Amino acid sequence: MAGVAVLASTLAAVGLSGAPAQAIPACKAGYQCSRTYYADSAWTVVVGGFTRFCDGSLDQWGETTRYVETTQVQCPR
């Protein structure tokens, strides 16, 4: 239980510091959407990723962070 308390206090501290979080854009219908997550504000170390493909399947790996880049590409018709 002590680990849970430490995690909760750490998350609370992280949530209160720095700039306000920005909303992650939703994936538009008819688009392939990819997100790349970075370790910190230097944007140099990739720690995770997410892709929603045109056929609706998903691929995700690693971890998510507040440092995220989203790209969308229109699916072929």
PDB file of N, CA and C in Angstrom:
ATOM      1  N   MET A   1       0.812  -1.202   0.000  1.00  0.00           N
ATOM      2  CA  MET A   1       0.000   0.000   0.000  1.00  0.00           C
ATOM      3  C   MET A   1       0.854   1.265   0.000  1.00  0.00           C
ATOM      4  N   ALA A   2       2.028   1.196   0.605  1.00  0.00           N
ATOM      5  CA  ALA A   2       2.889   2.379   0.652  1.00  0.00           C
ATOM      6  C   ALA A   2       3.281   2.812  -0.752  1.00  0.00           C
ATOM      7  N   GLY A   3       3.511   1.830  -1.641  1.00  0.00           N
ATOM      8  CA  GLY A   3       3.862   2.154  -3.026  1.00  0.00           C
ATOM      9  C   GLY A   3       2.755   2.913  -3.726  1.00  0.00           C
ATOM     10  N   VAL A   4       1.500   2.560  -3.421  1.00  0.00           N
ATOM     11  CA  VAL A   4       0.354   3.249  -4.015  1.00  0.00           C
ATOM     12  C   VAL A   4       0.310   4.694  -3.551  1.00  0.00           C
ATOM     13  N   ALA A   5       0.570   4.924  -2.263  1.00  0.00           N
ATOM     14  CA  ALA A   5       0.566   6.279  -1.726  1.00  0.00           C
ATOM     15  C   ALA A   5       1.667   7.122  -2.357  1.00  0.00           C
ATOM     16  N   VAL A   6       2.841   6.541  -2.525  1.00  0.00           N
ATOM     17  CA  VAL A   6       3.947   7.259  -3.150  1.00  0.00           C
ATOM     18  C   VAL A   6       3.602   7.590  -4.599  1.00  0.00           C
ATOM     19  N   LEU A   7       3.041   6.630  -5.323  1.00  0.00           N
ATOM     20  CA  LEU A   7       2.657   6.864  -6.705  1.00  0.00           C
ATOM     21  C   LEU A   7       1.609   7.958  -6.785  1.00  0.00           C
ATOM     22  N   ALA A   8       0.613   7.922  -5.927  1.00  0.00           N
ATOM     23  CA  ALA A   8      -0.449   8.930  -5.944  1.00  0.00           C
ATOM     24  C   ALA A   8       0.112  10.322  -5.664  1.00  0.00           C
ATOM     25  N   SER A   9       1.014  10.436  -4.698  1.00  0.00           N
ATOM     26  CA  SER A   9       1.584  11.747  -4.388  1.00  0.00           C
ATOM     27  C   SER A   9       2.487  12.234  -5.514  1.00  0.00           C
ATOM     28  N   THR A  10       3.196  11.313  -6.162  1.00  0.00           N
ATOM     29  CA  THR A  10       4.049  11.685  -7.293  1.00  0.00           C
ATOM     30  C   THR A  10       3.194  12.188  -8.441  1.00  0.00           C
ATOM     31  N   LEU A  11       2.125  11.477  -8.756  1.00  0.00           N
ATOM     32  CA  LEU A  11       1.244  11.901  -9.841  1.00  0.00           C
ATOM     33  C   LEU A  11       0.602  13.244  -9.537  1.00  0.00           C
ATOM     34  N   ALA A  12       0.228  13.473  -8.297  1.00  0.00           N
ATOM     35  CA  ALA A  12      -0.361  14.750  -7.917  1.00  0.00           C
ATOM     36  C   ALA A  12       0.653  15.872  -8.092  1.00  0.00           C
ATOM     37  N   ALA A  13       1.887  15.650  -7.694  1.00  0.00           N
ATOM     38  CA  ALA A  13       2.928  16.671  -7.832  1.00  0.00           C
ATOM     39  C   ALA A  13       3.202  16.970  -9.296  1.00  0.00           C
ATOM     40  N   VAL A  14       3.257  15.937 -10.122  1.00  0.00           N
ATOM     41  CA  VAL A  14       3.494  16.140 -11.550  1.00  0.00           C
ATOM     42  C   VAL A  14       2.341  16.914 -12.167  1.00  0.00           C
ATOM     43  N   GLY A  15       1.133  16.591 -11.759  1.00  0.00           N
ATOM     44  CA  GLY A  15      -0.035  17.271 -12.298  1.00  0.00           C
ATOM     45  C   GLY A  15      -0.105  18.746 -11.939  1.00  0.00           C
ATOM     46  N   LEU A  16       0.537  19.142 -10.844  1.00  0.00           N
ATOM     47  CA  LEU A  16       0.467  20.525 -10.398  1.00  0.00           C
ATOM     48  C   LEU A  16       1.617  21.378 -10.911  1.00  0.00           C
ATOM     49  N   SER A  17       2.644  20.753 -11.465  1.00  0.00           N
ATOM     50  CA  SER A  17       3.799  21.543 -11.882  1.00  0.00           C
ATOM     51  C   SER A  17       3.820  21.725 -13.394  1.00  0.00           C
ATOM     52  N   GLY A  18       4.520  22.752 -13.836  1.00  0.00           N
ATOM     53  CA  GLY A  18       4.709  22.960 -15.265  1.00  0.00           C
ATOM     54  C   GLY A  18       3.506  23.601 -15.924  1.00  0.00           C
ATOM     55  N   ALA A  19       3.543  23.614 -17.249  1.00  0.00           N
ATOM     56  CA  ALA A  19       2.478  24.214 -18.039  1.00  0.00           C
ATOM     57  C   ALA A  19       1.252  23.310 -18.037  1.00  0.00           C
ATOM     58  N   PRO A  20       0.077  23.889 -18.286  1.00  0.00           N
ATOM     59  CA  PRO A  20      -1.122  23.064 -18.337  1.00  0.00           C
ATOM     60  C   PRO A  20      -1.041  22.070 -19.495  1.00  0.00           C
ATOM     61  N   ALA A  21      -1.629  20.894 -19.277  1.00  0.00           N
ATOM     62  CA  ALA A  21      -1.616  19.862 -20.314  1.00  0.00           C
ATOM     63  C   ALA A  21      -2.477  20.305 -21.489  1.00  0.00           C
ATOM     64  N   GLN A  22      -2.035  19.944 -22.685  1.00  0.00           N
ATOM     65  CA  GLN A  22      -2.800  20.254 -23.886  1.00  0.00           C
ATOM     66  C   GLN A  22      -3.599  19.024 -24.285  1.00  0.00           C
ATOM     67  N   ALA A  23      -4.775  19.243 -24.847  1.00  0.00           N
ATOM     68  CA  ALA A  23      -5.611  18.132 -25.286  1.00  0.00           C
ATOM     69  C   ALA A  23      -4.974  17.460 -26.499  1.00  0.00           C
ATOM     70  N   ILE A  24      -5.046  16.138 -26.528  1.00  0.00           N
ATOM     71  CA  ILE A  24      -4.555  15.387 -27.682  1.00  0.00           C
ATOM     72  C   ILE A  24      -5.661  15.382 -28.724  1.00  0.00           C
ATOM     73  N   PRO A  25      -5.355  15.794 -29.955  1.00  0.00           N
ATOM     74  CA  PRO A  25      -6.401  15.825 -30.984  1.00  0.00           C
ATOM     75  C   PRO A  25      -6.990  14.438 -31.220  1.00  0.00           C
ATOM     76  N   ALA A  26      -8.299  14.393 -31.421  1.00  0.00           N
ATOM     77  CA  ALA A  26      -8.973  13.130 -31.731  1.00  0.00           C
ATOM     78  C   ALA A  26      -8.625  12.709 -33.159  1.00  0.00           C
ATOM     79  N   CYS A  27      -8.630  11.407 -33.393  1.00  0.00           N
ATOM     80  CA  CYS A  27      -8.410  10.891 -34.745  1.00  0.00           C
ATOM     81  C   CYS A  27      -9.674  11.130 -35.566  1.00  0.00           C
ATOM     82  N   LYS A  28      -9.529  11.800 -36.691  1.00  0.00           N
ATOM     83  CA  LYS A  28     -10.676  12.074 -37.551  1.00  0.00           C
ATOM     84  C   LYS A  28     -11.100  10.809 -38.278  1.00  0.00           C
ATOM     85  N   ALA A  29     -12.398  10.696 -38.539  1.00  0.00           N
ATOM     86  CA  ALA A  29     -12.913   9.571 -39.324  1.00  0.00           C
ATOM     87  C   ALA A  29     -12.312   9.641 -40.725  1.00  0.00           C
ATOM     88  N   GLY A  30     -11.888   8.498 -41.251  1.00  0.00           N
ATOM     89  CA  GLY A  30     -11.311   8.466 -42.590  1.00  0.00           C
ATOM     90  C   GLY A  30      -9.825   8.803 -42.631  1.00  0.00           C
ATOM     91  N   TYR A  31      -9.185   8.864 -41.463  1.00  0.00           N
ATOM     92  CA  TYR A  31      -7.765   9.191 -41.371  1.00  0.00           C
ATOM     93  C   TYR A  31      -7.030   8.127 -40.559  1.00  0.00           C
ATOM     94  N   GLN A  32      -5.771   7.883 -40.926  1.00  0.00           N
ATOM     95  CA  GLN A  32      -4.879   7.097 -40.075  1.00  0.00           C
ATOM     96  C   GLN A  32      -4.237   8.081 -39.111  1.00  0.00           C
ATOM     97  N   CYS A  33      -4.235   7.742 -37.842  1.00  0.00           N
ATOM     98  CA  CYS A  33      -3.750   8.640 -36.805  1.00  0.00           C
ATOM     99  C   CYS A  33      -2.591   7.982 -36.067  1.00  0.00           C
ATOM    100  N   SER A  34      -1.500   8.695 -35.922  1.00  0.00           N
ATOM    101  CA  SER A  34      -0.346   8.181 -35.180  1.00  0.00           C
ATOM    102  C   SER A  34       0.069   9.197 -34.125  1.00  0.00           C
ATOM    103  N   ARG A  35       0.469   8.664 -32.972  1.00  0.00           N
ATOM    104  CA  ARG A  35       0.992   9.508 -31.894  1.00  0.00           C
ATOM    105  C   ARG A  35       2.353   8.967 -31.485  1.00  0.00           C
ATOM    106  N   THR A  36       3.291   9.862 -31.316  1.00  0.00           N
ATOM    107  CA  THR A  36       4.619   9.505 -30.842  1.00  0.00           C
ATOM    108  C   THR A  36       4.823  10.206 -29.511  1.00  0.00           C
ATOM    109  N   TYR A  37       5.202   9.433 -28.489  1.00  0.00           N
ATOM    110  CA  TYR A  37       5.392   9.967 -27.136  1.00  0.00           C
ATOM    111  C   TYR A  37       6.885  10.079 -26.835  1.00  0.00           C
ATOM    112  N   TYR A  38       7.279  11.218 -26.283  1.00  0.00           N
ATOM    113  CA  TYR A  38       8.679  11.505 -25.970  1.00  0.00           C
ATOM    114  C   TYR A  38       8.898  11.554 -24.462  1.00  0.00           C
ATOM    115  N   ALA A  39      10.130  11.306 -24.046  1.00  0.00           N
ATOM    116  CA  ALA A  39      10.471  11.228 -22.629  1.00  0.00           C
ATOM    117  C   ALA A  39      10.318  12.568 -21.905  1.00  0.00           C
ATOM    118  N   ASP A  40      10.670  13.665 -22.580  1.00  0.00           N
ATOM    119  CA  ASP A  40      10.649  14.964 -21.909  1.00  0.00           C
ATOM    120  C   ASP A  40      10.557  16.086 -22.928  1.00  0.00           C
ATOM    121  N   SER A  41      10.681  17.303 -22.457  1.00  0.00           N
ATOM    122  CA  SER A  41      10.503  18.471 -23.320  1.00  0.00           C
ATOM    123  C   SER A  41      11.617  18.666 -24.344  1.00  0.00           C
ATOM    124  N   ALA A  42      12.664  17.872 -24.278  1.00  0.00           N
ATOM    125  CA  ALA A  42      13.708  17.944 -25.306  1.00  0.00           C
ATOM    126  C   ALA A  42      13.240  17.291 -26.612  1.00  0.00           C
ATOM    127  N   TRP A  43      12.210  16.452 -26.555  1.00  0.00           N
ATOM    128  CA  TRP A  43      11.614  15.796 -27.715  1.00  0.00           C
ATOM    129  C   TRP A  43      12.646  14.984 -28.501  1.00  0.00           C
ATOM    130  N   THR A  44      13.585  14.342 -27.812  1.00  0.00           N
ATOM    131  CA  THR A  44      14.632  13.583 -28.507  1.00  0.00           C
ATOM    132  C   THR A  44      14.555  12.078 -28.275  1.00  0.00           C
ATOM    133  N   VAL A  45      13.950  11.633 -27.173  1.00  0.00           N
ATOM    134  CA  VAL A  45      13.901  10.209 -26.840  1.00  0.00           C
ATOM    135  C   VAL A  45      12.452   9.722 -26.935  1.00  0.00           C
ATOM    136  N   VAL A  46      12.183   8.857 -27.916  1.00  0.00           N
ATOM    137  CA  VAL A  46      10.853   8.295 -28.092  1.00  0.00           C
ATOM    138  C   VAL A  46      10.663   7.167 -27.078  1.00  0.00           C
ATOM    139  N   VAL A  47       9.530   7.215 -26.344  1.00  0.00           N
ATOM    140  CA  VAL A  47       9.270   6.191 -25.324  1.00  0.00           C
ATOM    141  C   VAL A  47       8.002   5.393 -25.596  1.00  0.00           C
ATOM    142  N   GLY A  48       7.226   5.785 -26.607  1.00  0.00           N
ATOM    143  CA  GLY A  48       6.007   5.051 -26.903  1.00  0.00           C
ATOM    144  C   GLY A  48       5.365   5.532 -28.181  1.00  0.00           C
ATOM    145  N   GLY A  49       4.391   4.758 -28.648  1.00  0.00           N
ATOM    146  CA  GLY A  49       3.689   5.126 -29.862  1.00  0.00           C
ATOM    147  C   GLY A  49       2.318   4.479 -29.932  1.00  0.00           C
ATOM    148  N   PHE A  50       1.477   5.037 -30.773  1.00  0.00           N
ATOM    149  CA  PHE A  50       0.106   4.568 -30.966  1.00  0.00           C
ATOM    150  C   PHE A  50      -0.260   4.848 -32.413  1.00  0.00           C
ATOM    151  N   THR A  51      -0.880   3.896 -33.093  1.00  0.00           N
ATOM    152  CA  THR A  51      -1.401   4.120 -34.440  1.00  0.00           C
ATOM    153  C   THR A  51      -2.764   3.471 -34.564  1.00  0.00           C
ATOM    154  N   ARG A  52      -3.726   4.233 -35.082  1.00  0.00           N
ATOM    155  CA  ARG A  52      -5.029   3.694 -35.480  1.00  0.00           C
ATOM    156  C   ARG A  52      -5.006   3.688 -37.007  1.00  0.00           C
ATOM    157  N   PHE A  53      -4.986   2.474 -37.567  1.00  0.00           N
ATOM    158  CA  PHE A  53      -4.875   2.314 -39.006  1.00  0.00           C
ATOM    159  C   PHE A  53      -6.220   2.531 -39.696  1.00  0.00           C
ATOM    160  N   CYS A  54      -6.182   2.681 -41.014  1.00  0.00           N
ATOM    161  CA  CYS A  54      -7.387   2.932 -41.809  1.00  0.00           C
ATOM    162  C   CYS A  54      -8.423   1.819 -41.663  1.00  0.00           C
ATOM    163  N   ASP A  55      -7.980   0.587 -41.435  1.00  0.00           N
ATOM    164  CA  ASP A  55      -8.925  -0.532 -41.283  1.00  0.00           C
ATOM    165  C   ASP A  55      -9.501  -0.619 -39.874  1.00  0.00           C
ATOM    166  N   GLY A  56      -9.130   0.323 -38.996  1.00  0.00           N
ATOM    167  CA  GLY A  56      -9.652   0.348 -37.634  1.00  0.00           C
ATOM    168  C   GLY A  56      -8.793  -0.380 -36.617  1.00  0.00           C
ATOM    169  N   SER A  57      -7.784  -1.123 -37.075  1.00  0.00           N
ATOM    170  CA  SER A  57      -6.920  -1.830 -36.134  1.00  0.00           C
ATOM    171  C   SER A  57      -5.989  -0.845 -35.422  1.00  0.00           C
ATOM    172  N   LEU A  58      -5.518  -1.274 -34.259  1.00  0.00           N
ATOM    173  CA  LEU A  58      -4.661  -0.427 -33.424  1.00  0.00           C
ATOM    174  C   LEU A  58      -3.320  -1.096 -33.186  1.00  0.00           C
ATOM    175  N   ASP A  59      -2.302  -0.288 -33.019  1.00  0.00           N
ATOM    176  CA  ASP A  59      -0.994  -0.759 -32.578  1.00  0.00           C
ATOM    177  C   ASP A  59      -0.497   0.262 -31.564  1.00  0.00           C
ATOM    178  N   GLN A  60      -0.110  -0.221 -30.407  1.00  0.00           N
ATOM    179  CA  GLN A  60       0.464   0.683 -29.415  1.00  0.00           C
ATOM    180  C   GLN A  60       1.566  -0.028 -28.646  1.00  0.00           C
ATOM    181  N   TRP A  61       2.538   0.751 -28.185  1.00  0.00           N
ATOM    182  CA  TRP A  61       3.669   0.178 -27.466  1.00  0.00           C
ATOM    183  C   TRP A  61       4.245   1.249 -26.550  1.00  0.00           C
ATOM    184  N   GLY A  62       5.002   0.801 -25.587  1.00  0.00           N
ATOM    185  CA  GLY A  62       5.723   1.715 -24.697  1.00  0.00           C
ATOM    186  C   GLY A  62       4.797   2.448 -23.750  1.00  0.00           C
ATOM    187  N   GLU A  63       5.200   3.658 -23.406  1.00  0.00           N
ATOM    188  CA  GLU A  63       4.459   4.452 -22.441  1.00  0.00           C
ATOM    189  C   GLU A  63       3.944   5.739 -23.059  1.00  0.00           C
ATOM    190  N   THR A  64       2.965   6.332 -22.409  1.00  0.00           N
ATOM    191  CA  THR A  64       2.463   7.628 -22.842  1.00  0.00           C
ATOM    192  C   THR A  64       3.007   8.698 -21.910  1.00  0.00           C
ATOM    193  N   THR A  65       3.221   9.876 -22.456  1.00  0.00           N
ATOM    194  CA  THR A  65       3.689  11.018 -21.674  1.00  0.00           C
ATOM    195  C   THR A  65       2.925  12.254 -22.124  1.00  0.00           C
ATOM    196  N   ARG A  66       3.185  13.346 -21.485  1.00  0.00           N
ATOM    197  CA  ARG A  66       2.545  14.605 -21.887  1.00  0.00           C
ATOM    198  C   ARG A  66       3.204  15.208 -23.128  1.00  0.00           C
ATOM    199  N   TYR A  67       4.346  14.652 -23.533  1.00  0.00           N
ATOM    200  CA  TYR A  67       5.073  15.157 -24.705  1.00  0.00           C
ATOM    201  C   TYR A  67       4.711  14.281 -25.891  1.00  0.00           C
ATOM    202  N   VAL A  68       3.687  14.686 -26.631  1.00  0.00           N
ATOM    203  CA  VAL A  68       3.131  13.843 -27.689  1.00  0.00           C
ATOM    204  C   VAL A  68       3.006  14.632 -28.991  1.00  0.00           C
ATOM    205  N   GLU A  69       3.344  13.969 -30.074  1.00  0.00           N
ATOM    206  CA  GLU A  69       3.197  14.532 -31.416  1.00  0.00           C
ATOM    207  C   GLU A  69       2.176  13.666 -32.147  1.00  0.00           C
ATOM    208  N   THR A  70       1.171  14.295 -32.740  1.00  0.00           N
ATOM    209  CA  THR A  70       0.120  13.575 -33.449  1.00  0.00           C
ATOM    210  C   THR A  70       0.185  13.903 -34.928  1.00  0.00           C
ATOM    211  N   THR A  71       0.100  12.862 -35.751  1.00  0.00           N
ATOM    212  CA  THR A  71       0.021  13.060 -37.208  1.00  0.00           C
ATOM    213  C   THR A  71      -1.194  12.300 -37.721  1.00  0.00           C
ATOM    214  N   GLN A  72      -1.830  12.862 -38.768  1.00  0.00           N
ATOM    215  CA  GLN A  72      -2.981  12.216 -39.382  1.00  0.00           C
ATOM    216  C   GLN A  72      -2.814  12.259 -40.893  1.00  0.00           C
ATOM    217  N   VAL A  73      -3.121  11.122 -41.517  1.00  0.00           N
ATOM    218  CA  VAL A  73      -3.028  11.017 -42.969  1.00  0.00           C
ATOM    219  C   VAL A  73      -4.348  10.456 -43.477  1.00  0.00           C
ATOM    220  N   GLN A  74      -4.900  11.083 -44.508  1.00  0.00           N
ATOM    221  CA  GLN A  74      -6.181  10.628 -45.029  1.00  0.00           C
ATOM    222  C   GLN A  74      -6.053   9.233 -45.634  1.00  0.00           C
ATOM    223  N   CYS A  75      -7.023   8.372 -45.326  1.00  0.00           N
ATOM    224  CA  CYS A  75      -7.036   7.007 -45.858  1.00  0.00           C
ATOM    225  C   CYS A  75      -7.472   7.031 -47.321  1.00  0.00           C
ATOM    226  N   PRO A  76      -6.963   6.066 -48.115  1.00  0.00           N
ATOM    227  CA  PRO A  76      -7.420   5.993 -49.503  1.00  0.00           C
ATOM    228  C   PRO A  76      -8.910   5.654 -49.554  1.00  0.00           C
ATOM    229  N   ARG A  77      -9.566   6.137 -50.563  1.00  0.00           N
ATOM    230  CA  ARG A  77     -11.019   5.882 -50.666  1.00  0.00           C
ATOM    231  C   ARG A  77     -11.310   4.723 -51.539  1.00  0.00           C
TER     232      ARG A  77
END
